[in-house]
């Protein structure tokens, strides 16, 4: 997803945007969809599940602690993305349509 986000243009949305805000939104989207970010959160959750299996009731507490850490890592990045998305007036359906338009544009260029 990160590759397609980097190739998005305002024309894919059918709108015009402030260039600086659009660039910041793309950076925020890239940060949210980075594989390392997703792997860290999944590793924390799997470690919590493993702790439940190995430690029983103590593991349940550890699972919740690790879950809150994963949430604490994810929420600021999501909030930053949402802030720029609100400033630009982009909804999730607009984003989905823009990705579709971008893929169509790229496939036309390649053919």
N, C-alpha and C. Protein backbone atom coordinates (compact mmCIF):
# COMPACT_ATOMS: atom_id res chain seq x y z
N UNK A 1 0.83 -1.19 0.00
CA UNK A 1 0.00 0.00 0.00
C UNK A 1 0.87 1.25 0.00
N UNK A 2 2.02 1.18 0.64
CA UNK A 2 2.88 2.35 0.75
C UNK A 2 3.31 2.87 -0.61
N UNK A 3 3.59 1.96 -1.53
CA UNK A 3 4.03 2.36 -2.87
C UNK A 3 2.93 3.14 -3.59
N UNK A 4 1.70 2.69 -3.48
CA UNK A 4 0.60 3.37 -4.16
C UNK A 4 0.31 4.71 -3.50
N UNK A 5 0.48 4.81 -2.19
CA UNK A 5 0.26 6.08 -1.50
C UNK A 5 1.25 7.12 -1.98
N UNK A 6 2.50 6.72 -2.19
CA UNK A 6 3.51 7.65 -2.67
C UNK A 6 3.20 8.15 -4.08
N UNK A 7 2.44 7.41 -4.84
CA UNK A 7 2.13 7.79 -6.22
C UNK A 7 0.80 8.53 -6.35
N UNK A 8 0.08 8.70 -5.26
CA UNK A 8 -1.19 9.42 -5.31
C UNK A 8 -0.96 10.90 -5.63
N UNK A 9 -1.85 11.45 -6.43
CA UNK A 9 -1.82 12.87 -6.75
C UNK A 9 -3.19 13.46 -6.45
N UNK A 10 -3.27 14.78 -6.31
CA UNK A 10 -4.58 15.40 -6.09
C UNK A 10 -5.58 15.10 -7.21
N UNK A 11 -5.07 14.90 -8.42
CA UNK A 11 -5.95 14.58 -9.55
C UNK A 11 -6.65 13.24 -9.35
N UNK A 12 -6.01 12.31 -8.63
CA UNK A 12 -6.64 11.03 -8.35
C UNK A 12 -7.89 11.20 -7.48
N UNK A 13 -7.88 12.25 -6.65
CA UNK A 13 -9.03 12.55 -5.81
C UNK A 13 -10.06 13.39 -6.54
N UNK A 14 -9.65 14.00 -7.65
CA UNK A 14 -10.54 14.89 -8.38
C UNK A 14 -10.69 16.23 -7.69
N UNK A 15 -9.72 16.60 -6.86
CA UNK A 15 -9.77 17.84 -6.10
C UNK A 15 -8.42 18.52 -6.18
N UNK A 16 -8.36 19.74 -5.68
CA UNK A 16 -7.09 20.43 -5.52
C UNK A 16 -6.84 20.59 -4.03
N UNK A 17 -5.60 20.38 -3.62
CA UNK A 17 -5.23 20.44 -2.21
C UNK A 17 -4.05 21.38 -2.03
N UNK A 18 -3.88 21.84 -0.79
CA UNK A 18 -2.68 22.56 -0.41
C UNK A 18 -1.53 21.56 -0.50
N UNK A 19 -0.50 21.91 -1.23
CA UNK A 19 0.59 20.96 -1.49
C UNK A 19 1.29 20.52 -0.22
N UNK A 20 1.52 21.43 0.72
CA UNK A 20 2.23 21.08 1.96
C UNK A 20 1.39 20.13 2.81
N UNK A 21 0.10 20.42 2.94
CA UNK A 21 -0.78 19.55 3.73
C UNK A 21 -0.92 18.18 3.08
N UNK A 22 -1.01 18.15 1.76
CA UNK A 22 -1.11 16.88 1.05
C UNK A 22 0.16 16.05 1.25
N UNK A 23 1.31 16.70 1.21
CA UNK A 23 2.58 15.99 1.44
C UNK A 23 2.65 15.45 2.87
N UNK A 24 2.20 16.22 3.83
CA UNK A 24 2.20 15.76 5.23
C UNK A 24 1.23 14.60 5.41
N UNK A 25 0.08 14.65 4.74
CA UNK A 25 -0.88 13.55 4.82
C UNK A 25 -0.28 12.28 4.24
N UNK A 26 0.44 12.40 3.13
CA UNK A 26 1.07 11.23 2.53
C UNK A 26 2.13 10.63 3.46
N UNK A 27 2.89 11.50 4.16
CA UNK A 27 3.87 11.00 5.12
C UNK A 27 3.18 10.28 6.27
N UNK A 28 2.08 10.85 6.75
CA UNK A 28 1.34 10.23 7.85
C UNK A 28 0.74 8.89 7.41
N UNK A 29 0.22 8.82 6.20
CA UNK A 29 -0.31 7.56 5.67
C UNK A 29 0.79 6.52 5.54
N UNK A 30 1.96 6.96 5.09
CA UNK A 30 3.09 6.05 4.95
C UNK A 30 3.52 5.50 6.30
N UNK A 31 3.50 6.35 7.33
CA UNK A 31 3.89 5.91 8.67
C UNK A 31 2.92 4.87 9.22
N UNK A 32 1.63 5.03 8.92
CA UNK A 32 0.61 4.10 9.41
C UNK A 32 0.71 2.75 8.70
N UNK A 33 1.07 2.76 7.43
CA UNK A 33 1.08 1.51 6.65
C UNK A 33 2.46 0.88 6.54
N UNK A 34 3.45 1.40 7.25
CA UNK A 34 4.79 0.80 7.21
C UNK A 34 4.75 -0.62 7.75
N UNK A 35 5.38 -1.54 7.07
CA UNK A 35 5.39 -2.92 7.56
C UNK A 35 6.02 -3.05 8.95
N UNK A 36 7.06 -2.28 9.24
CA UNK A 36 7.71 -2.40 10.55
C UNK A 36 6.76 -1.99 11.67
N UNK A 37 5.94 -0.98 11.43
CA UNK A 37 4.96 -0.53 12.41
C UNK A 37 3.94 -1.63 12.68
N UNK A 38 3.47 -2.26 11.64
CA UNK A 38 2.47 -3.32 11.77
C UNK A 38 3.09 -4.54 12.45
N UNK A 39 4.32 -4.88 12.10
CA UNK A 39 5.00 -6.04 12.69
C UNK A 39 5.21 -5.84 14.18
N UNK A 40 5.62 -4.63 14.59
CA UNK A 40 5.83 -4.37 16.02
C UNK A 40 4.53 -4.55 16.79
N UNK A 41 3.45 -4.00 16.28
CA UNK A 41 2.16 -4.14 16.98
C UNK A 41 1.71 -5.60 17.04
N UNK A 42 1.87 -6.32 15.96
CA UNK A 42 1.48 -7.73 15.96
C UNK A 42 2.37 -8.54 16.90
N UNK A 43 3.66 -8.23 16.94
CA UNK A 43 4.57 -8.95 17.84
C UNK A 43 4.19 -8.73 19.30
N UNK A 44 3.81 -7.50 19.63
CA UNK A 44 3.38 -7.23 21.01
C UNK A 44 2.13 -8.03 21.37
N UNK A 45 1.18 -8.09 20.44
CA UNK A 45 -0.04 -8.84 20.72
C UNK A 45 0.22 -10.34 20.81
N UNK A 46 1.07 -10.87 19.94
CA UNK A 46 1.39 -12.30 19.99
C UNK A 46 2.19 -12.63 21.24
N UNK A 47 3.05 -11.72 21.68
CA UNK A 47 3.79 -11.94 22.92
C UNK A 47 2.82 -12.01 24.10
N UNK A 48 1.80 -11.17 24.07
CA UNK A 48 0.78 -11.21 25.12
C UNK A 48 0.00 -12.52 25.12
N UNK A 49 -0.32 -12.99 23.94
CA UNK A 49 -1.04 -14.28 23.84
C UNK A 49 -0.15 -15.41 24.33
N UNK A 50 1.12 -15.36 23.96
CA UNK A 50 2.07 -16.38 24.45
C UNK A 50 2.22 -16.33 25.96
N UNK A 51 2.18 -15.13 26.52
CA UNK A 51 2.28 -14.98 27.97
C UNK A 51 1.07 -15.61 28.67
N UNK A 52 -0.10 -15.47 28.07
CA UNK A 52 -1.29 -16.10 28.65
C UNK A 52 -1.11 -17.61 28.67
N UNK A 53 -0.61 -18.15 27.60
CA UNK A 53 -0.42 -19.59 27.50
C UNK A 53 0.62 -20.08 28.51
N UNK A 54 1.71 -19.35 28.64
CA UNK A 54 2.81 -19.80 29.50
C UNK A 54 2.61 -19.44 30.97
N UNK A 55 2.02 -18.30 31.26
CA UNK A 55 1.96 -17.82 32.64
C UNK A 55 0.57 -17.83 33.27
N UNK A 56 -0.43 -18.20 32.51
CA UNK A 56 -1.78 -18.27 33.06
C UNK A 56 -2.34 -16.91 33.41
N UNK A 57 -2.78 -16.74 34.66
CA UNK A 57 -3.44 -15.50 35.09
C UNK A 57 -2.49 -14.30 35.02
N UNK A 58 -1.25 -14.48 35.35
CA UNK A 58 -0.28 -13.38 35.25
C UNK A 58 -0.13 -12.98 33.78
N UNK A 59 -0.19 -13.95 32.90
CA UNK A 59 -0.10 -13.69 31.47
C UNK A 59 -1.25 -12.84 30.95
N UNK A 60 -2.43 -12.99 31.56
CA UNK A 60 -3.57 -12.17 31.14
C UNK A 60 -3.28 -10.70 31.43
N UNK A 61 -2.73 -10.44 32.60
CA UNK A 61 -2.35 -9.06 32.93
C UNK A 61 -1.28 -8.54 31.98
N UNK A 62 -0.30 -9.38 31.67
CA UNK A 62 0.75 -8.99 30.75
C UNK A 62 0.19 -8.74 29.35
N UNK A 63 -0.78 -9.56 28.95
CA UNK A 63 -1.43 -9.37 27.66
C UNK A 63 -2.07 -7.98 27.57
N UNK A 64 -2.79 -7.58 28.62
CA UNK A 64 -3.42 -6.28 28.61
C UNK A 64 -2.40 -5.15 28.60
N UNK A 65 -1.31 -5.31 29.35
CA UNK A 65 -0.26 -4.29 29.34
C UNK A 65 0.33 -4.16 27.94
N UNK A 66 0.66 -5.27 27.30
CA UNK A 66 1.22 -5.24 25.95
C UNK A 66 0.22 -4.70 24.94
N UNK A 67 -1.07 -5.00 25.14
CA UNK A 67 -2.10 -4.47 24.24
C UNK A 67 -2.19 -2.95 24.35
N UNK A 68 -2.11 -2.44 25.58
CA UNK A 68 -2.16 -0.98 25.76
C UNK A 68 -0.92 -0.32 25.16
N UNK A 69 0.22 -0.98 25.23
CA UNK A 69 1.43 -0.44 24.60
C UNK A 69 1.24 -0.38 23.09
N UNK A 70 0.69 -1.45 22.51
CA UNK A 70 0.44 -1.47 21.06
C UNK A 70 -0.54 -0.38 20.66
N UNK A 71 -1.57 -0.19 21.46
CA UNK A 71 -2.53 0.88 21.18
C UNK A 71 -1.86 2.24 21.31
N UNK A 72 -1.02 2.38 22.33
CA UNK A 72 -0.31 3.63 22.53
C UNK A 72 0.63 3.98 21.39
N UNK A 73 1.14 2.98 20.73
CA UNK A 73 2.00 3.20 19.56
C UNK A 73 1.15 3.60 18.35
N UNK A 74 0.00 2.97 18.20
CA UNK A 74 -0.82 3.16 17.00
C UNK A 74 -1.64 4.44 17.00
N UNK A 75 -2.19 4.81 18.13
CA UNK A 75 -3.15 5.92 18.18
C UNK A 75 -2.55 7.26 17.73
N UNK A 76 -1.36 7.66 18.19
CA UNK A 76 -0.84 8.96 17.71
C UNK A 76 -0.66 9.02 16.20
N UNK A 77 -0.22 7.94 15.61
CA UNK A 77 -0.03 7.92 14.15
C UNK A 77 -1.37 8.00 13.44
N UNK A 78 -2.37 7.29 13.95
CA UNK A 78 -3.70 7.35 13.34
C UNK A 78 -4.31 8.74 13.50
N UNK A 79 -4.12 9.36 14.67
CA UNK A 79 -4.67 10.69 14.89
C UNK A 79 -4.03 11.72 13.96
N UNK A 80 -2.73 11.59 13.74
CA UNK A 80 -2.04 12.51 12.82
C UNK A 80 -2.60 12.36 11.41
N UNK A 81 -2.79 11.11 10.98
CA UNK A 81 -3.34 10.85 9.65
C UNK A 81 -4.75 11.43 9.53
N UNK A 82 -5.57 11.21 10.55
CA UNK A 82 -6.95 11.71 10.52
C UNK A 82 -7.00 13.23 10.52
N UNK A 83 -6.07 13.87 11.26
CA UNK A 83 -6.04 15.34 11.30
C UNK A 83 -5.81 15.91 9.91
N UNK A 84 -4.81 15.39 9.20
CA UNK A 84 -4.53 15.88 7.86
C UNK A 84 -5.66 15.50 6.89
N UNK A 85 -6.25 14.36 7.10
CA UNK A 85 -7.35 13.93 6.23
C UNK A 85 -8.55 14.87 6.40
N UNK A 86 -8.82 15.29 7.63
CA UNK A 86 -9.91 16.26 7.86
C UNK A 86 -9.59 17.60 7.23
N UNK A 87 -8.33 18.05 7.35
CA UNK A 87 -7.94 19.32 6.76
C UNK A 87 -8.11 19.32 5.25
N UNK A 88 -7.84 18.18 4.64
CA UNK A 88 -7.96 18.07 3.19
C UNK A 88 -9.39 17.78 2.74
N UNK A 89 -10.24 17.34 3.66
CA UNK A 89 -11.61 16.99 3.30
C UNK A 89 -11.72 15.66 2.59
N UNK A 90 -10.85 14.73 2.96
CA UNK A 90 -10.81 13.41 2.33
C UNK A 90 -11.55 12.43 3.24
N UNK A 91 -12.50 11.71 2.67
CA UNK A 91 -13.17 10.63 3.41
C UNK A 91 -12.51 9.32 3.02
N UNK A 92 -12.85 8.26 3.75
CA UNK A 92 -12.28 6.95 3.42
C UNK A 92 -12.73 6.48 2.04
N UNK A 93 -13.96 6.81 1.66
CA UNK A 93 -14.42 6.41 0.33
C UNK A 93 -13.68 7.21 -0.75
N UNK A 94 -13.35 8.48 -0.46
CA UNK A 94 -12.53 9.26 -1.40
C UNK A 94 -11.17 8.62 -1.57
N UNK A 95 -10.59 8.18 -0.45
CA UNK A 95 -9.28 7.55 -0.50
C UNK A 95 -9.32 6.26 -1.32
N UNK A 96 -10.34 5.44 -1.10
CA UNK A 96 -10.48 4.20 -1.85
C UNK A 96 -10.62 4.47 -3.34
N UNK A 97 -11.41 5.46 -3.67
CA UNK A 97 -11.60 5.82 -5.08
C UNK A 97 -10.30 6.36 -5.68
N UNK A 98 -9.55 7.15 -4.91
CA UNK A 98 -8.29 7.71 -5.40
C UNK A 98 -7.26 6.61 -5.66
N UNK A 99 -7.21 5.61 -4.80
CA UNK A 99 -6.29 4.49 -5.01
C UNK A 99 -6.67 3.76 -6.29
N UNK A 100 -7.95 3.57 -6.50
CA UNK A 100 -8.43 2.91 -7.72
C UNK A 100 -8.05 3.74 -8.95
N UNK A 101 -8.27 5.06 -8.88
CA UNK A 101 -7.91 5.95 -9.99
C UNK A 101 -6.40 5.94 -10.25
N UNK A 102 -5.61 5.92 -9.18
CA UNK A 102 -4.16 5.91 -9.31
C UNK A 102 -3.69 4.61 -9.98
N UNK A 103 -4.27 3.50 -9.57
CA UNK A 103 -3.89 2.22 -10.20
C UNK A 103 -4.27 2.19 -11.66
N UNK A 104 -5.44 2.74 -12.01
CA UNK A 104 -5.84 2.83 -13.41
C UNK A 104 -4.88 3.72 -14.20
N UNK A 105 -4.49 4.85 -13.62
CA UNK A 105 -3.57 5.77 -14.28
C UNK A 105 -2.21 5.10 -14.51
N UNK A 106 -1.73 4.37 -13.52
CA UNK A 106 -0.43 3.69 -13.64
C UNK A 106 -0.51 2.59 -14.69
N UNK A 107 -1.60 1.84 -14.71
CA UNK A 107 -1.72 0.76 -15.70
C UNK A 107 -1.82 1.32 -17.13
N UNK A 108 -2.44 2.49 -17.29
CA UNK A 108 -2.50 3.12 -18.62
C UNK A 108 -1.13 3.59 -19.07
N UNK A 109 -0.34 4.08 -18.13
CA UNK A 109 1.01 4.53 -18.47
C UNK A 109 1.89 3.36 -18.87
N UNK A 110 1.74 2.22 -18.17
CA UNK A 110 2.56 1.05 -18.47
C UNK A 110 2.17 0.39 -19.78
N UNK A 111 0.93 0.55 -20.19
CA UNK A 111 0.48 -0.10 -21.44
C UNK A 111 0.71 0.79 -22.60
